[in-house]
Amino acid sequence: MKHLKLLSLVSTFAILFSLNAFAKDKNERTVNIPAAVSIGGTHLAAGDYKVNWQGTGSAVQVNFLQNGKVVASAPATLRTNDTSVTQDSIITSDTNASSQSLKEIDFHHQREALVFDQGGM
């Protein structure tokens, strides 16, 4: 009887942990942006952001969150790289002499990348 209770308890925990793994949002990462950038017409200061995206296929809508609040949102293309990168890679381009525009985020130890088309910004 004692073994049956223990087996029941272990089985319950195994089910709960596996459900938690499935419930985790796989379209969410944390990234550090080392210098101020603009994205979707919004200025982002340097710092840590939670980045999540929604959409089907490669066209996605990306939200940048800080302290649980969305501070910027922009469309992007979700791309799969051939290999994973060893650290977060933030790619920017000069918008003008004093401003950088966010072009791409390659995620640490992932094959996913978000590519932002800001042609005209």
N, C-alpha and C. Protein backbone atom coordinates (compact mmCIF):
# COMPACT_ATOMS: atom_id res chain seq x y z
N MET A 1 0.83 -1.19 0.00
CA MET A 1 0.00 0.00 0.00
C MET A 1 0.88 1.26 0.00
N LYS A 2 1.96 1.21 0.75
CA LYS A 2 2.85 2.35 0.82
C LYS A 2 3.50 2.61 -0.54
N HIS A 3 3.86 1.55 -1.24
CA HIS A 3 4.48 1.69 -2.56
C HIS A 3 3.48 2.25 -3.56
N LEU A 4 2.24 1.87 -3.43
CA LEU A 4 1.20 2.36 -4.34
C LEU A 4 1.00 3.87 -4.18
N LYS A 5 1.01 4.35 -2.94
CA LYS A 5 0.88 5.79 -2.69
C LYS A 5 2.07 6.55 -3.26
N LEU A 6 3.26 5.99 -3.07
CA LEU A 6 4.46 6.63 -3.59
C LEU A 6 4.44 6.66 -5.11
N LEU A 7 4.05 5.55 -5.72
CA LEU A 7 3.96 5.49 -7.18
C LEU A 7 2.93 6.49 -7.70
N SER A 8 1.82 6.61 -7.01
CA SER A 8 0.78 7.57 -7.40
C SER A 8 1.30 9.00 -7.30
N LEU A 9 2.01 9.31 -6.24
CA LEU A 9 2.56 10.65 -6.04
C LEU A 9 3.60 10.98 -7.12
N VAL A 10 4.50 10.06 -7.41
CA VAL A 10 5.52 10.28 -8.43
C VAL A 10 4.87 10.44 -9.80
N SER A 11 3.86 9.66 -10.10
CA SER A 11 3.16 9.77 -11.39
C SER A 11 2.48 11.12 -11.53
N THR A 12 1.86 11.60 -10.47
CA THR A 12 1.19 12.89 -10.50
C THR A 12 2.19 14.01 -10.80
N PHE A 13 3.35 14.00 -10.12
CA PHE A 13 4.36 15.01 -10.37
C PHE A 13 4.90 14.93 -11.79
N ALA A 14 5.09 13.73 -12.31
CA ALA A 14 5.58 13.57 -13.68
C ALA A 14 4.60 14.16 -14.68
N ILE A 15 3.33 13.95 -14.46
CA ILE A 15 2.30 14.51 -15.36
C ILE A 15 2.28 16.02 -15.27
N LEU A 16 2.34 16.57 -14.06
CA LEU A 16 2.32 18.02 -13.90
C LEU A 16 3.53 18.68 -14.55
N PHE A 17 4.71 18.11 -14.38
CA PHE A 17 5.91 18.69 -14.98
C PHE A 17 5.86 18.61 -16.50
N SER A 18 5.34 17.52 -17.05
CA SER A 18 5.26 17.43 -18.51
C SER A 18 4.23 18.40 -19.07
N LEU A 19 3.12 18.62 -18.37
CA LEU A 19 2.13 19.59 -18.81
C LEU A 19 2.71 21.00 -18.79
N ASN A 20 3.51 21.30 -17.79
CA ASN A 20 4.14 22.61 -17.70
C ASN A 20 5.09 22.84 -18.87
N ALA A 21 5.81 21.81 -19.28
CA ALA A 21 6.72 21.94 -20.41
C ALA A 21 5.95 22.21 -21.70
N PHE A 22 4.80 21.57 -21.89
CA PHE A 22 4.00 21.81 -23.08
C PHE A 22 3.36 23.19 -23.05
N ALA A 23 3.05 23.71 -21.88
CA ALA A 23 2.36 24.99 -21.77
C ALA A 23 3.30 26.17 -22.01
N LYS A 24 4.61 25.96 -21.91
CA LYS A 24 5.55 27.05 -22.09
C LYS A 24 5.45 27.61 -23.50
N ASP A 25 5.44 28.92 -23.58
CA ASP A 25 5.37 29.60 -24.87
C ASP A 25 6.73 29.49 -25.56
N LYS A 26 6.79 28.76 -26.66
CA LYS A 26 8.04 28.57 -27.37
C LYS A 26 8.39 29.78 -28.24
N ASN A 27 7.48 30.70 -28.39
CA ASN A 27 7.71 31.89 -29.21
C ASN A 27 8.09 33.08 -28.33
N GLU A 28 8.94 32.83 -27.36
CA GLU A 28 9.32 33.89 -26.43
C GLU A 28 10.77 33.68 -26.03
N ARG A 29 11.53 34.75 -26.06
CA ARG A 29 12.94 34.72 -25.67
C ARG A 29 13.26 35.99 -24.90
N THR A 30 14.36 35.96 -24.18
CA THR A 30 14.88 37.14 -23.52
C THR A 30 16.15 37.55 -24.26
N VAL A 31 16.29 38.85 -24.47
CA VAL A 31 17.43 39.35 -25.23
C VAL A 31 17.93 40.64 -24.58
N ASN A 32 19.26 40.84 -24.67
CA ASN A 32 19.85 42.09 -24.21
C ASN A 32 20.21 42.93 -25.43
N ILE A 33 19.66 44.12 -25.46
CA ILE A 33 19.99 45.07 -26.53
C ILE A 33 21.03 46.02 -25.94
N PRO A 34 22.28 45.95 -26.44
CA PRO A 34 23.37 46.67 -25.79
C PRO A 34 23.40 48.18 -26.02
N ALA A 35 22.72 48.65 -27.07
CA ALA A 35 22.71 50.10 -27.36
C ALA A 35 21.32 50.48 -27.84
N ALA A 36 20.97 51.74 -27.69
CA ALA A 36 19.65 52.22 -28.10
C ALA A 36 19.42 51.98 -29.59
N VAL A 37 18.20 51.54 -29.93
CA VAL A 37 17.82 51.28 -31.33
C VAL A 37 16.39 51.77 -31.54
N SER A 38 16.02 51.88 -32.80
CA SER A 38 14.62 52.16 -33.11
C SER A 38 14.03 50.92 -33.79
N ILE A 39 12.76 50.67 -33.50
CA ILE A 39 12.06 49.54 -34.09
C ILE A 39 10.58 49.92 -34.23
N GLY A 40 10.06 49.78 -35.42
CA GLY A 40 8.65 50.10 -35.64
C GLY A 40 8.28 51.52 -35.26
N GLY A 41 9.18 52.45 -35.43
CA GLY A 41 8.92 53.84 -35.08
C GLY A 41 9.06 54.15 -33.60
N THR A 42 9.50 53.17 -32.81
CA THR A 42 9.66 53.35 -31.36
C THR A 42 11.13 53.26 -30.99
N HIS A 43 11.56 54.12 -30.08
CA HIS A 43 12.93 54.12 -29.57
C HIS A 43 13.01 53.12 -28.41
N LEU A 44 13.96 52.18 -28.49
CA LEU A 44 14.21 51.26 -27.38
C LEU A 44 15.56 51.60 -26.77
N ALA A 45 15.56 51.84 -25.47
CA ALA A 45 16.81 52.09 -24.76
C ALA A 45 17.57 50.77 -24.62
N ALA A 46 18.86 50.86 -24.38
CA ALA A 46 19.64 49.66 -24.12
C ALA A 46 19.09 48.96 -22.89
N GLY A 47 19.10 47.63 -22.90
CA GLY A 47 18.63 46.88 -21.74
C GLY A 47 18.11 45.51 -22.11
N ASP A 48 17.55 44.84 -21.11
CA ASP A 48 17.00 43.50 -21.29
C ASP A 48 15.53 43.59 -21.66
N TYR A 49 15.12 42.79 -22.64
CA TYR A 49 13.74 42.75 -23.10
C TYR A 49 13.29 41.31 -23.25
N LYS A 50 12.04 41.09 -22.97
CA LYS A 50 11.42 39.82 -23.33
C LYS A 50 10.81 40.06 -24.70
N VAL A 51 11.10 39.17 -25.63
CA VAL A 51 10.62 39.30 -27.00
C VAL A 51 9.70 38.11 -27.26
N ASN A 52 8.46 38.39 -27.70
CA ASN A 52 7.58 37.29 -28.09
C ASN A 52 6.97 37.61 -29.44
N TRP A 53 6.54 36.57 -30.13
CA TRP A 53 5.97 36.77 -31.46
C TRP A 53 4.81 35.84 -31.68
N GLN A 54 3.86 36.34 -32.48
CA GLN A 54 2.68 35.57 -32.86
C GLN A 54 2.56 35.60 -34.37
N GLY A 55 2.01 34.53 -34.90
CA GLY A 55 1.77 34.45 -36.32
C GLY A 55 2.00 33.04 -36.81
N THR A 56 1.52 32.78 -38.00
CA THR A 56 1.75 31.48 -38.60
C THR A 56 2.69 31.65 -39.77
N GLY A 57 3.50 30.66 -40.01
CA GLY A 57 4.47 30.77 -41.09
C GLY A 57 5.60 31.71 -40.70
N SER A 58 6.17 32.35 -41.69
CA SER A 58 7.32 33.21 -41.42
C SER A 58 6.94 34.65 -41.08
N ALA A 59 5.74 35.08 -41.41
CA ALA A 59 5.32 36.46 -41.10
C ALA A 59 4.77 36.50 -39.68
N VAL A 60 5.44 37.25 -38.80
CA VAL A 60 5.05 37.31 -37.39
C VAL A 60 4.97 38.75 -36.91
N GLN A 61 4.27 38.96 -35.82
CA GLN A 61 4.21 40.25 -35.14
C GLN A 61 4.99 40.10 -33.85
N VAL A 62 5.98 40.95 -33.65
CA VAL A 62 6.90 40.84 -32.52
C VAL A 62 6.59 41.92 -31.49
N ASN A 63 6.54 41.51 -30.23
CA ASN A 63 6.35 42.45 -29.12
C ASN A 63 7.62 42.46 -28.27
N PHE A 64 8.03 43.67 -27.88
CA PHE A 64 9.15 43.85 -26.96
C PHE A 64 8.57 44.26 -25.63
N LEU A 65 8.84 43.49 -24.57
CA LEU A 65 8.28 43.75 -23.26
C LEU A 65 9.38 44.07 -22.26
N GLN A 66 9.08 45.00 -21.37
CA GLN A 66 9.96 45.33 -20.27
C GLN A 66 9.07 45.52 -19.05
N ASN A 67 9.41 44.85 -17.97
CA ASN A 67 8.62 44.88 -16.74
C ASN A 67 7.18 44.46 -17.00
N GLY A 68 6.99 43.50 -17.89
CA GLY A 68 5.66 42.97 -18.18
C GLY A 68 4.80 43.82 -19.09
N LYS A 69 5.32 44.93 -19.58
CA LYS A 69 4.54 45.82 -20.44
C LYS A 69 5.14 45.87 -21.85
N VAL A 70 4.26 45.86 -22.85
CA VAL A 70 4.72 45.97 -24.24
C VAL A 70 5.20 47.40 -24.46
N VAL A 71 6.48 47.54 -24.86
CA VAL A 71 7.04 48.87 -25.09
C VAL A 71 7.23 49.15 -26.58
N ALA A 72 7.19 48.11 -27.40
CA ALA A 72 7.28 48.28 -28.86
C ALA A 72 6.73 47.04 -29.53
N SER A 73 6.27 47.23 -30.76
CA SER A 73 5.73 46.13 -31.54
C SER A 73 6.08 46.39 -33.00
N ALA A 74 6.42 45.32 -33.73
CA ALA A 74 6.79 45.49 -35.14
C ALA A 74 6.62 44.16 -35.88
N PRO A 75 6.31 44.22 -37.17
CA PRO A 75 6.26 43.00 -37.97
C PRO A 75 7.69 42.52 -38.26
N ALA A 76 7.82 41.20 -38.43
CA ALA A 76 9.12 40.63 -38.74
C ALA A 76 8.94 39.33 -39.52
N THR A 77 10.05 38.84 -40.02
CA THR A 77 10.08 37.53 -40.67
C THR A 77 10.83 36.59 -39.76
N LEU A 78 10.22 35.45 -39.43
CA LEU A 78 10.87 34.44 -38.62
C LEU A 78 11.67 33.55 -39.56
N ARG A 79 12.98 33.52 -39.34
CA ARG A 79 13.87 32.77 -40.20
C ARG A 79 14.55 31.67 -39.40
N THR A 80 14.84 30.55 -40.04
CA THR A 80 15.58 29.47 -39.41
C THR A 80 16.99 29.48 -39.97
N ASN A 81 17.98 29.63 -39.09
CA ASN A 81 19.38 29.62 -39.49
C ASN A 81 19.87 28.18 -39.67
N ASP A 82 20.94 28.02 -40.41
CA ASP A 82 21.52 26.69 -40.62
C ASP A 82 22.12 26.13 -39.34
N THR A 83 22.70 27.00 -38.53
CA THR A 83 23.31 26.57 -37.27
C THR A 83 22.89 27.53 -36.17
N SER A 84 23.04 27.09 -34.93
CA SER A 84 22.72 27.97 -33.81
C SER A 84 23.91 28.89 -33.55
N VAL A 85 23.62 30.04 -32.97
CA VAL A 85 24.69 31.00 -32.63
C VAL A 85 25.06 30.81 -31.17
N THR A 86 26.29 31.17 -30.81
CA THR A 86 26.76 30.94 -29.46
C THR A 86 26.38 32.05 -28.48
N GLN A 87 25.91 33.16 -29.00
CA GLN A 87 25.44 34.25 -28.14
C GLN A 87 24.38 35.04 -28.92
N ASP A 88 23.58 35.82 -28.18
CA ASP A 88 22.61 36.67 -28.87
C ASP A 88 23.35 37.58 -29.83
N SER A 89 22.79 37.75 -30.99
CA SER A 89 23.38 38.63 -31.98
C SER A 89 22.33 39.65 -32.38
N ILE A 90 22.64 40.91 -32.16
CA ILE A 90 21.76 42.02 -32.49
C ILE A 90 22.38 42.74 -33.68
N ILE A 91 21.66 42.76 -34.80
CA ILE A 91 22.18 43.41 -36.01
C ILE A 91 21.41 44.70 -36.23
N THR A 92 22.14 45.79 -36.39
CA THR A 92 21.53 47.11 -36.59
C THR A 92 22.09 47.73 -37.85
N SER A 93 21.44 48.81 -38.28
CA SER A 93 21.97 49.61 -39.38
C SER A 93 21.80 51.07 -39.02
N ASP A 94 22.63 51.91 -39.60
CA ASP A 94 22.55 53.35 -39.34
C ASP A 94 21.30 53.91 -40.00
N THR A 95 20.45 54.57 -39.20
CA THR A 95 19.30 55.27 -39.73
C THR A 95 19.74 56.67 -40.14
N ASN A 96 20.49 57.30 -39.26
CA ASN A 96 21.14 58.58 -39.54
C ASN A 96 22.37 58.65 -38.66
N ALA A 97 23.03 59.77 -38.59
CA ALA A 97 24.29 59.88 -37.85
C ALA A 97 24.18 59.51 -36.38
N SER A 98 23.00 59.68 -35.78
CA SER A 98 22.89 59.45 -34.34
C SER A 98 21.89 58.35 -33.98
N SER A 99 21.43 57.57 -34.94
CA SER A 99 20.39 56.59 -34.65
C SER A 99 20.67 55.25 -35.33
N GLN A 100 20.37 54.18 -34.62
CA GLN A 100 20.50 52.83 -35.14
C GLN A 100 19.12 52.20 -35.26
N SER A 101 18.90 51.45 -36.32
CA SER A 101 17.64 50.75 -36.55
C SER A 101 17.88 49.25 -36.36
N LEU A 102 17.00 48.58 -35.63
CA LEU A 102 17.14 47.15 -35.40
C LEU A 102 16.77 46.39 -36.67
N LYS A 103 17.67 45.55 -37.14
CA LYS A 103 17.45 44.79 -38.37
C LYS A 103 17.19 43.31 -38.10
N GLU A 104 17.88 42.74 -37.11
CA GLU A 104 17.78 41.30 -36.89
C GLU A 104 18.18 40.93 -35.48
N ILE A 105 17.54 39.88 -34.95
CA ILE A 105 17.92 39.29 -33.68
C ILE A 105 18.13 37.79 -33.92
N ASP A 106 19.35 37.32 -33.67
CA ASP A 106 19.65 35.89 -33.69
C ASP A 106 19.75 35.45 -32.24
N PHE A 107 19.00 34.42 -31.87
CA PHE A 107 18.92 34.04 -30.46
C PHE A 107 19.99 33.03 -30.06
N HIS A 108 20.54 33.24 -28.88
CA HIS A 108 21.57 32.41 -28.26
C HIS A 108 21.15 30.93 -28.25
N HIS A 109 21.98 30.07 -28.79
CA HIS A 109 21.78 28.61 -28.83
C HIS A 109 20.45 28.20 -29.48
N GLN A 110 19.96 29.01 -30.38
CA GLN A 110 18.74 28.69 -31.12
C GLN A 110 19.03 28.81 -32.61
N ARG A 111 18.19 28.23 -33.40
CA ARG A 111 18.34 28.38 -34.85
C ARG A 111 17.40 29.44 -35.39
N GLU A 112 16.60 30.05 -34.49
CA GLU A 112 15.63 31.04 -34.92
C GLU A 112 16.24 32.44 -34.95
N ALA A 113 15.75 33.23 -35.90
CA ALA A 113 16.13 34.63 -35.99
C ALA A 113 14.91 35.43 -36.41
N LEU A 114 14.81 36.65 -35.90
CA LEU A 114 13.75 37.58 -36.30
C LEU A 114 14.40 38.65 -37.16
N VAL A 115 13.87 38.82 -38.37
CA VAL A 115 14.42 39.80 -39.31
C VAL A 115 13.37 40.89 -39.49
N PHE A 116 13.76 42.12 -39.24
CA PHE A 116 12.85 43.27 -39.33
C PHE A 116 13.10 44.04 -40.61
N ASP A 117 12.05 44.27 -41.37
CA ASP A 117 12.15 45.07 -42.60
C ASP A 117 11.67 46.47 -42.26
N GLN A 118 12.59 47.38 -42.14
CA GLN A 118 12.23 48.76 -41.81
C GLN A 118 12.66 49.69 -42.92
N GLY A 119 12.38 49.26 -44.14
CA GLY A 119 12.76 50.04 -45.31
C GLY A 119 12.15 51.43 -45.27
N GLY A 120 12.52 52.47 -45.18
CA GLY A 120 11.85 53.75 -45.11
C GLY A 120 11.89 54.35 -43.73
N MET A 121 12.37 53.62 -42.71
CA MET A 121 12.47 54.19 -41.37
C MET A 121 13.88 54.62 -41.12
